[in-house]
Amino acid sequence: MRQILIVCGAGASSGFMAKNIRQELKKRGITGEYSFLARSDAELEEYIDEIDMLLLGPHLKYMYASMKEYCDGYKVPVYVIDQKAYGMLDGGAIVDFVIDKFAENSKN
């Protein structure tokens, strides 16, 4: 199972996003393939050894470089979630994005 951590400032908005993503995974019948967890950016260190991907809320885009530098040491890719998808809590768009990124990374 692929573990994806979504972080935002306090963990609240990412929690709503993760809920919608889990609903989308259930709808698609792929709940056993991906696990999404939402936490505050301050909690990254607690989860870094357990995750396969880090997604940043768009409002944390300014943290991308430092998060990427930190996560590179663990071979964890980091991406910023699309503003529109995040704002609309579009779980389907995030699931599609994650599936595409894992496919791209497996080719490299």
N, C-alpha and C. Protein backbone atom coordinates (compact mmCIF):
# COMPACT_ATOMS: atom_id res chain seq x y z
N MET A 1 0.84 -1.18 0.00
CA MET A 1 0.00 0.00 0.00
C MET A 1 0.89 1.24 0.00
N ARG A 2 0.54 2.20 -0.83
CA ARG A 2 1.26 3.47 -0.90
C ARG A 2 0.72 4.42 0.15
N GLN A 3 1.62 4.99 0.94
CA GLN A 3 1.25 5.92 2.00
C GLN A 3 1.52 7.35 1.54
N ILE A 4 0.50 8.18 1.53
CA ILE A 4 0.64 9.56 1.11
C ILE A 4 0.26 10.47 2.28
N LEU A 5 1.15 11.40 2.59
CA LEU A 5 0.89 12.36 3.66
C LEU A 5 0.55 13.70 3.03
N ILE A 6 -0.58 14.27 3.45
CA ILE A 6 -0.99 15.60 3.01
C ILE A 6 -0.77 16.53 4.20
N VAL A 7 -0.03 17.61 3.98
CA VAL A 7 0.18 18.55 5.07
C VAL A 7 -0.35 19.94 4.73
N CYS A 8 -0.83 20.59 5.78
CA CYS A 8 -1.23 21.98 5.69
C CYS A 8 -0.77 22.63 6.98
N GLY A 9 -1.14 23.84 7.22
CA GLY A 9 -0.65 24.55 8.40
C GLY A 9 -1.03 23.89 9.71
N ALA A 10 -2.30 23.60 9.90
CA ALA A 10 -2.76 23.04 11.17
C ALA A 10 -3.32 21.63 11.02
N GLY A 11 -3.50 21.17 9.80
CA GLY A 11 -4.03 19.83 9.57
C GLY A 11 -5.53 19.78 9.33
N ALA A 12 -6.22 20.91 9.48
CA ALA A 12 -7.67 20.91 9.33
C ALA A 12 -8.11 20.80 7.88
N SER A 13 -7.65 21.70 7.03
CA SER A 13 -8.09 21.66 5.63
C SER A 13 -7.59 20.40 4.94
N SER A 14 -6.41 19.93 5.28
CA SER A 14 -5.92 18.69 4.68
C SER A 14 -6.75 17.50 5.16
N GLY A 15 -7.31 17.61 6.36
CA GLY A 15 -8.18 16.55 6.86
C GLY A 15 -9.45 16.42 6.04
N PHE A 16 -10.02 17.56 5.66
CA PHE A 16 -11.20 17.53 4.79
C PHE A 16 -10.85 16.94 3.43
N MET A 17 -9.67 17.33 2.92
CA MET A 17 -9.23 16.81 1.63
C MET A 17 -9.03 15.30 1.71
N ALA A 18 -8.37 14.83 2.75
CA ALA A 18 -8.12 13.39 2.90
C ALA A 18 -9.42 12.61 2.98
N LYS A 19 -10.42 13.16 3.65
CA LYS A 19 -11.72 12.50 3.75
C LYS A 19 -12.33 12.33 2.36
N ASN A 20 -12.29 13.38 1.55
CA ASN A 20 -12.84 13.29 0.20
C ASN A 20 -12.04 12.33 -0.67
N ILE A 21 -10.74 12.28 -0.47
CA ILE A 21 -9.90 11.35 -1.22
C ILE A 21 -10.26 9.92 -0.85
N ARG A 22 -10.43 9.64 0.44
CA ARG A 22 -10.79 8.29 0.87
C ARG A 22 -12.14 7.87 0.28
N GLN A 23 -13.07 8.81 0.20
CA GLN A 23 -14.36 8.51 -0.42
C GLN A 23 -14.17 8.16 -1.90
N GLU A 24 -13.30 8.89 -2.57
CA GLU A 24 -13.02 8.64 -3.98
C GLU A 24 -12.36 7.27 -4.16
N LEU A 25 -11.42 6.94 -3.30
CA LEU A 25 -10.76 5.63 -3.38
C LEU A 25 -11.78 4.51 -3.21
N LYS A 26 -12.70 4.68 -2.28
CA LYS A 26 -13.75 3.69 -2.05
C LYS A 26 -14.63 3.56 -3.29
N LYS A 27 -15.00 4.69 -3.86
CA LYS A 27 -15.86 4.70 -5.06
C LYS A 27 -15.18 3.96 -6.22
N ARG A 28 -13.87 4.12 -6.33
CA ARG A 28 -13.12 3.48 -7.41
C ARG A 28 -12.71 2.04 -7.08
N GLY A 29 -12.91 1.64 -5.84
CA GLY A 29 -12.55 0.28 -5.43
C GLY A 29 -11.06 0.06 -5.28
N ILE A 30 -10.32 1.11 -4.89
CA ILE A 30 -8.87 0.98 -4.75
C ILE A 30 -8.40 1.40 -3.35
N THR A 31 -9.24 1.16 -2.36
CA THR A 31 -8.89 1.58 -1.00
C THR A 31 -7.67 0.82 -0.47
N GLY A 32 -7.40 -0.36 -0.95
CA GLY A 32 -6.26 -1.12 -0.47
C GLY A 32 -4.94 -0.74 -1.12
N GLU A 33 -4.98 0.12 -2.13
CA GLU A 33 -3.77 0.48 -2.85
C GLU A 33 -3.11 1.76 -2.33
N TYR A 34 -3.91 2.65 -1.76
CA TYR A 34 -3.40 3.95 -1.31
C TYR A 34 -3.99 4.29 0.05
N SER A 35 -3.17 4.93 0.86
CA SER A 35 -3.62 5.42 2.16
C SER A 35 -3.21 6.88 2.27
N PHE A 36 -4.16 7.73 2.59
CA PHE A 36 -3.92 9.17 2.73
C PHE A 36 -4.10 9.58 4.18
N LEU A 37 -3.11 10.30 4.67
CA LEU A 37 -3.12 10.78 6.03
C LEU A 37 -2.93 12.30 5.99
N ALA A 38 -3.67 13.01 6.79
CA ALA A 38 -3.57 14.47 6.84
C ALA A 38 -3.01 14.90 8.18
N ARG A 39 -1.99 15.74 8.14
CA ARG A 39 -1.36 16.22 9.35
C ARG A 39 -0.85 17.65 9.15
N SER A 40 -0.43 18.24 10.23
CA SER A 40 0.22 19.54 10.20
C SER A 40 1.63 19.38 9.64
N ASP A 41 2.14 20.44 9.02
CA ASP A 41 3.50 20.38 8.49
C ASP A 41 4.53 20.14 9.59
N ALA A 42 4.21 20.52 10.81
CA ALA A 42 5.13 20.33 11.94
C ALA A 42 5.29 18.86 12.31
N GLU A 43 4.41 18.00 11.82
CA GLU A 43 4.44 16.58 12.17
C GLU A 43 5.17 15.71 11.13
N LEU A 44 5.73 16.31 10.11
CA LEU A 44 6.37 15.55 9.04
C LEU A 44 7.42 14.57 9.56
N GLU A 45 8.26 15.01 10.46
CA GLU A 45 9.33 14.14 10.97
C GLU A 45 8.79 12.85 11.57
N GLU A 46 7.61 12.89 12.16
CA GLU A 46 7.02 11.71 12.78
C GLU A 46 6.61 10.66 11.75
N TYR A 47 6.37 11.08 10.51
CA TYR A 47 5.82 10.19 9.49
C TYR A 47 6.76 9.91 8.33
N ILE A 48 7.89 10.60 8.25
CA ILE A 48 8.74 10.54 7.06
C ILE A 48 9.19 9.12 6.72
N ASP A 49 9.42 8.28 7.71
CA ASP A 49 9.87 6.91 7.46
C ASP A 49 8.75 6.00 6.97
N GLU A 50 7.52 6.46 7.06
CA GLU A 50 6.36 5.63 6.72
C GLU A 50 5.70 6.01 5.39
N ILE A 51 6.10 7.13 4.79
CA ILE A 51 5.36 7.62 3.63
C ILE A 51 6.11 7.39 2.33
N ASP A 52 5.31 7.35 1.25
CA ASP A 52 5.84 7.19 -0.10
C ASP A 52 5.74 8.47 -0.92
N MET A 53 4.97 9.44 -0.41
CA MET A 53 4.80 10.71 -1.10
C MET A 53 4.31 11.75 -0.10
N LEU A 54 4.76 12.99 -0.32
CA LEU A 54 4.30 14.11 0.49
C LEU A 54 3.59 15.09 -0.42
N LEU A 55 2.38 15.49 -0.03
CA LEU A 55 1.62 16.50 -0.76
C LEU A 55 1.46 17.72 0.15
N LEU A 56 1.80 18.87 -0.38
CA LEU A 56 1.66 20.12 0.36
C LEU A 56 0.41 20.85 -0.08
N GLY A 57 -0.32 21.40 0.87
CA GLY A 57 -1.43 22.27 0.53
C GLY A 57 -0.88 23.44 -0.26
N PRO A 58 -1.63 23.98 -1.21
CA PRO A 58 -1.12 25.06 -2.06
C PRO A 58 -0.68 26.30 -1.29
N HIS A 59 -1.24 26.53 -0.13
CA HIS A 59 -0.85 27.68 0.67
C HIS A 59 0.53 27.48 1.31
N LEU A 60 1.09 26.28 1.22
CA LEU A 60 2.43 25.99 1.73
C LEU A 60 3.47 25.90 0.60
N LYS A 61 3.11 26.40 -0.55
CA LYS A 61 4.02 26.35 -1.69
C LYS A 61 5.37 26.99 -1.36
N TYR A 62 5.36 28.00 -0.53
CA TYR A 62 6.61 28.67 -0.14
C TYR A 62 7.56 27.73 0.61
N MET A 63 7.05 26.62 1.13
CA MET A 63 7.87 25.66 1.87
C MET A 63 8.42 24.54 0.98
N TYR A 64 8.04 24.55 -0.29
CA TYR A 64 8.38 23.44 -1.17
C TYR A 64 9.88 23.13 -1.18
N ALA A 65 10.73 24.12 -1.37
CA ALA A 65 12.18 23.88 -1.49
C ALA A 65 12.74 23.22 -0.24
N SER A 66 12.36 23.71 0.93
CA SER A 66 12.90 23.12 2.16
C SER A 66 12.31 21.73 2.41
N MET A 67 11.05 21.54 2.10
CA MET A 67 10.44 20.22 2.27
C MET A 67 11.07 19.21 1.30
N LYS A 68 11.30 19.65 0.08
CA LYS A 68 11.91 18.76 -0.91
C LYS A 68 13.32 18.37 -0.48
N GLU A 69 14.08 19.35 -0.03
CA GLU A 69 15.44 19.07 0.42
C GLU A 69 15.44 18.04 1.56
N TYR A 70 14.54 18.22 2.50
CA TYR A 70 14.44 17.29 3.63
C TYR A 70 14.01 15.90 3.15
N CYS A 71 12.98 15.84 2.30
CA CYS A 71 12.42 14.56 1.86
C CYS A 71 13.32 13.83 0.87
N ASP A 72 14.16 14.55 0.14
CA ASP A 72 15.08 13.90 -0.79
C ASP A 72 15.97 12.90 -0.08
N GLY A 73 16.36 13.20 1.14
CA GLY A 73 17.18 12.30 1.92
C GLY A 73 16.50 10.98 2.25
N TYR A 74 15.18 10.97 2.17
CA TYR A 74 14.38 9.78 2.43
C TYR A 74 13.80 9.19 1.15
N LYS A 75 14.15 9.79 0.02
CA LYS A 75 13.64 9.38 -1.28
C LYS A 75 12.10 9.44 -1.35
N VAL A 76 11.58 10.49 -0.76
CA VAL A 76 10.13 10.73 -0.76
C VAL A 76 9.86 11.93 -1.67
N PRO A 77 9.12 11.71 -2.76
CA PRO A 77 8.80 12.84 -3.64
C PRO A 77 7.82 13.81 -2.97
N VAL A 78 7.95 15.08 -3.33
CA VAL A 78 7.13 16.14 -2.76
C VAL A 78 6.45 16.90 -3.89
N TYR A 79 5.17 17.15 -3.73
CA TYR A 79 4.41 17.90 -4.73
C TYR A 79 3.48 18.89 -4.02
N VAL A 80 3.18 19.97 -4.71
CA VAL A 80 2.21 20.95 -4.21
C VAL A 80 0.88 20.63 -4.89
N ILE A 81 -0.16 20.54 -4.10
CA ILE A 81 -1.49 20.24 -4.62
C ILE A 81 -2.01 21.44 -5.41
N ASP A 82 -2.64 21.16 -6.52
CA ASP A 82 -3.24 22.19 -7.35
C ASP A 82 -4.25 23.02 -6.54
N GLN A 83 -4.13 24.33 -6.67
CA GLN A 83 -4.99 25.26 -5.91
C GLN A 83 -6.48 25.00 -6.14
N LYS A 84 -6.86 24.81 -7.39
CA LYS A 84 -8.28 24.61 -7.70
C LYS A 84 -8.80 23.31 -7.09
N ALA A 85 -8.03 22.23 -7.25
CA ALA A 85 -8.44 20.94 -6.70
C ALA A 85 -8.55 21.01 -5.18
N TYR A 86 -7.60 21.68 -4.55
CA TYR A 86 -7.60 21.80 -3.09
C TYR A 86 -8.78 22.65 -2.63
N GLY A 87 -8.98 23.78 -3.29
CA GLY A 87 -10.07 24.68 -2.92
C GLY A 87 -11.44 24.05 -3.06
N MET A 88 -11.57 23.19 -4.05
CA MET A 88 -12.85 22.52 -4.28
C MET A 88 -12.95 21.18 -3.54
N LEU A 89 -11.88 20.83 -2.80
CA LEU A 89 -11.81 19.54 -2.11
C LEU A 89 -12.10 18.39 -3.08
N ASP A 90 -11.51 18.48 -4.26
CA ASP A 90 -11.73 17.52 -5.33
C ASP A 90 -10.86 16.28 -5.14
N GLY A 91 -11.39 15.32 -4.41
CA GLY A 91 -10.66 14.10 -4.13
C GLY A 91 -10.28 13.33 -5.38
N GLY A 92 -11.15 13.34 -6.38
CA GLY A 92 -10.86 12.64 -7.63
C GLY A 92 -9.65 13.20 -8.34
N ALA A 93 -9.52 14.51 -8.37
CA ALA A 93 -8.37 15.14 -9.03
C ALA A 93 -7.07 14.77 -8.32
N ILE A 94 -7.11 14.70 -7.00
CA ILE A 94 -5.91 14.36 -6.24
C ILE A 94 -5.55 12.90 -6.44
N VAL A 95 -6.53 12.02 -6.45
CA VAL A 95 -6.27 10.60 -6.71
C VAL A 95 -5.64 10.43 -8.09
N ASP A 96 -6.20 11.09 -9.09
CA ASP A 96 -5.63 11.01 -10.45
C ASP A 96 -4.19 11.51 -10.47
N PHE A 97 -3.93 12.62 -9.79
CA PHE A 97 -2.59 13.20 -9.73
C PHE A 97 -1.60 12.22 -9.10
N VAL A 98 -1.98 11.65 -7.98
CA VAL A 98 -1.10 10.73 -7.26
C VAL A 98 -0.80 9.48 -8.09
N ILE A 99 -1.82 8.93 -8.70
CA ILE A 99 -1.63 7.74 -9.55
C ILE A 99 -0.67 8.06 -10.69
N ASP A 100 -0.86 9.22 -11.32
CA ASP A 100 0.02 9.64 -12.42
C ASP A 100 1.46 9.82 -11.95
N LYS A 101 1.65 10.43 -10.79
CA LYS A 101 3.00 10.68 -10.28
C LYS A 101 3.70 9.38 -9.92
N PHE A 102 2.99 8.44 -9.33
CA PHE A 102 3.61 7.15 -9.02
C PHE A 102 3.99 6.42 -10.31
N ALA A 103 3.15 6.53 -11.33
CA ALA A 103 3.46 5.90 -12.62
C ALA A 103 4.69 6.54 -13.24
N GLU A 104 4.78 7.87 -13.22
CA GLU A 104 5.95 8.58 -13.75
C GLU A 104 7.21 8.19 -13.01
N ASN A 105 7.13 8.14 -11.69
CA ASN A 105 8.30 7.82 -10.87
C ASN A 105 8.78 6.39 -11.07
N SER A 106 7.86 5.48 -11.39
CA SER A 106 8.27 4.09 -11.59
C SER A 106 9.02 3.91 -12.92
N LYS A 107 8.83 4.84 -13.85
CA LYS A 107 9.53 4.79 -15.13
C LYS A 107 10.96 5.28 -15.02
N ASN A 108 11.21 6.11 -14.00
CA ASN A 108 12.56 6.70 -13.82
C ASN A 108 13.50 5.79 -13.10
